[in-house]
C-alpha atoms as a PDB file:
ATOM      1  CA  MET A   1     -10.532  -8.324 -11.374  1.00  0.00           C
ATOM      2  CA  ILE A   2     -11.006  -4.611 -10.859  1.00  0.00           C
ATOM      3  CA  LYS A   3     -12.858  -3.379  -7.808  1.00  0.00           C
ATOM      4  CA  ASN A   4     -14.215   0.117  -7.422  1.00  0.00           C
ATOM      5  CA  SER A   5     -13.026   1.706  -4.177  1.00  0.00           C
ATOM      6  CA  GLY A   6     -14.641   5.081  -4.752  1.00  0.00           C
ATOM      7  CA  SER A   7     -13.210   8.348  -5.924  1.00  0.00           C
ATOM      8  CA  LEU A   8      -9.519   9.124  -6.085  1.00  0.00           C
ATOM      9  CA  ASP A   9      -9.823  11.881  -3.476  1.00  0.00           C
ATOM     10  CA  LYS A  10     -11.469   9.451  -1.059  1.00  0.00           C
ATOM     11  CA  VAL A  11      -8.690   6.895  -1.606  1.00  0.00           C
ATOM     12  CA  LYS A  12      -5.982   9.528  -1.054  1.00  0.00           C
ATOM     13  CA  SER A  13      -7.584  10.625   2.220  1.00  0.00           C
ATOM     14  CA  GLU A  14      -7.875   6.979   3.380  1.00  0.00           C
ATOM     15  CA  ILE A  15      -4.182   6.431   2.720  1.00  0.00           C
ATOM     16  CA  LYS A  16      -3.188   9.716   4.386  1.00  0.00           C
ATOM     17  CA  SER A  17      -5.096   8.671   7.512  1.00  0.00           C
ATOM     18  CA  LEU A  18      -2.788   5.631   7.829  1.00  0.00           C
ATOM     19  CA  ALA A  19       0.378   7.766   7.924  1.00  0.00           C
ATOM     20  CA  ALA A  20       1.202   7.276  11.618  1.00  0.00           C
ATOM     21  CA  GLU A  21       0.273   3.587  11.719  1.00  0.00           C
ATOM     22  CA  SER A  22       2.286   0.420  11.441  1.00  0.00           C
ATOM     23  CA  LEU A  23       0.986  -1.332   8.304  1.00  0.00           C
ATOM     24  CA  LYS A  24       0.859  -4.810   6.826  1.00  0.00           C
ATOM     25  CA  ILE A  25       1.259  -4.475   3.061  1.00  0.00           C
ATOM     26  CA  THR A  26       0.140  -7.235   0.699  1.00  0.00           C
ATOM     27  CA  VAL A  27       1.094  -6.983  -2.975  1.00  0.00           C
ATOM     28  CA  ASN A  28      -0.426  -9.241  -5.633  1.00  0.00           C
ATOM     29  CA  LEU A  29       2.403 -10.131  -8.018  1.00  0.00           C
ATOM     30  CA  GLY A  30       0.177 -12.183 -10.333  1.00  0.00           C
ATOM     31  CA  ARG A  31      -0.088 -15.920 -10.949  1.00  0.00           C
ATOM     32  CA  ASN A  32      -1.065 -16.591  -7.346  1.00  0.00           C
ATOM     33  CA  ARG A  33       2.083 -14.968  -5.961  1.00  0.00           C
ATOM     34  CA  PHE A  34       1.781 -12.545  -3.072  1.00  0.00           C
ATOM     35  CA  LEU A  35       4.364 -10.487  -1.218  1.00  0.00           C
ATOM     36  CA  GLU A  36       3.668  -9.510   2.388  1.00  0.00           C
ATOM     37  CA  PHE A  37       5.718  -7.212   4.572  1.00  0.00           C
ATOM     38  CA  THR A  38       5.274  -4.726   7.382  1.00  0.00           C
ATOM     39  CA  GLY A  39       6.250  -1.118   7.158  1.00  0.00           C
ATOM     40  CA  LYS A  40       5.244   2.483   7.606  1.00  0.00           C
ATOM     41  CA  LEU A  41       3.817   4.964   5.141  1.00  0.00           C
ATOM     42  CA  GLU A  42       6.703   7.255   4.247  1.00  0.00           C
ATOM     43  CA  GLY A  43       5.170   9.723   1.821  1.00  0.00           C
ATOM     44  CA  VAL A  44       1.905  10.579   0.103  1.00  0.00           C
ATOM     45  CA  TYR A  45       2.331  12.353  -3.208  1.00  0.00           C
ATOM     46  CA  PRO A  46      -0.143  13.451  -5.926  1.00  0.00           C
ATOM     47  CA  ALA A  47       0.436  10.379  -8.127  1.00  0.00           C
ATOM     48  CA  LEU A  48       1.773   7.722  -5.720  1.00  0.00           C
ATOM     49  CA  PHE A  49       2.545   6.784  -2.134  1.00  0.00           C
ATOM     50  CA  THR A  50       5.697   5.251  -0.684  1.00  0.00           C
ATOM     51  CA  VAL A  51       6.148   2.677   2.054  1.00  0.00           C
ATOM     52  CA  LYS A  52       9.258   2.150   4.176  1.00  0.00           C
ATOM     53  CA  PRO A  53       9.649  -1.532   5.157  1.00  0.00           C
ATOM     54  CA  PHE A  54      10.745  -2.363   8.697  1.00  0.00           C
ATOM     55  CA  ASP A  55      13.101  -5.027   7.295  1.00  0.00           C
ATOM     56  CA  SER A  56      16.311  -3.258   6.250  1.00  0.00           C
ATOM     57  CA  ASP A  57      17.190  -6.093   3.806  1.00  0.00           C
ATOM     58  CA  PHE A  58      13.950  -5.734   1.812  1.00  0.00           C
ATOM     59  CA  LYS A  59      14.680  -5.701  -1.933  1.00  0.00           C
ATOM     60  CA  GLY A  60      11.308  -4.917  -3.441  1.00  0.00           C
ATOM     61  CA  LYS A  61       9.252  -2.105  -4.843  1.00  0.00           C
ATOM     62  CA  THR A  62       8.165   0.416  -2.221  1.00  0.00           C
ATOM     63  CA  ALA A  63       6.322   3.037  -4.305  1.00  0.00           C
ATOM     64  CA  TYR A  64       2.777   2.308  -5.448  1.00  0.00           C
ATOM     65  CA  SER A  65       0.228   4.248  -7.482  1.00  0.00           C
ATOM     66  CA  TYR A  66      -3.297   4.895  -6.288  1.00  0.00           C
ATOM     67  CA  ALA A  67      -4.553   2.856  -9.252  1.00  0.00           C
ATOM     68  CA  GLU A  68      -2.780  -0.232  -7.872  1.00  0.00           C
ATOM     69  CA  TYR A  69      -4.537   0.312  -4.544  1.00  0.00           C
ATOM     70  CA  MET A  70      -7.926   0.937  -6.149  1.00  0.00           C
ATOM     71  CA  CYS A  71      -7.662  -2.223  -8.278  1.00  0.00           C
ATOM     72  CA  GLY A  72      -6.749  -4.366  -5.293  1.00  0.00           C
ATOM     73  CA  ARG A  73      -3.202  -5.132  -6.365  1.00  0.00           C
ATOM     74  CA  VAL A  74      -1.872  -3.445  -3.205  1.00  0.00           C
ATOM     75  CA  ARG A  75      -3.640  -3.821   0.134  1.00  0.00           C
ATOM     76  CA  LEU A  76      -2.878  -1.859   3.270  1.00  0.00           C
ATOM     77  CA  LYS A  77      -3.998  -3.033   6.677  1.00  0.00           C
ATOM     78  CA  LYS A  78      -3.115  -1.876  10.181  1.00  0.00           C
ATOM     79  CA  ALA A  79      -0.575  -4.274  11.651  1.00  0.00           C
ATOM     80  CA  GLU A  80      -1.480  -6.054  14.854  1.00  0.00           C
ATOM     81  CA  THR A  81       0.772  -5.190  17.748  1.00  0.00           C
END
């Protein structure tokens, strides 16, 4: 299911505003499989953004496109302290 989160510029500014925050990242891997981890936004680039996990043994994908965020495949939420 595709959700409309607004324009690309709006999405980029939303993600940039989370740069200094501790985040809980949820990734939909398909077939009712989800991956959750905590990390920090490492970089915001024109075509994608990168996340640095707090767990040093994390062996997953850490770069996501804005399309994945806009479609709901990747969710970013401020982590509770």
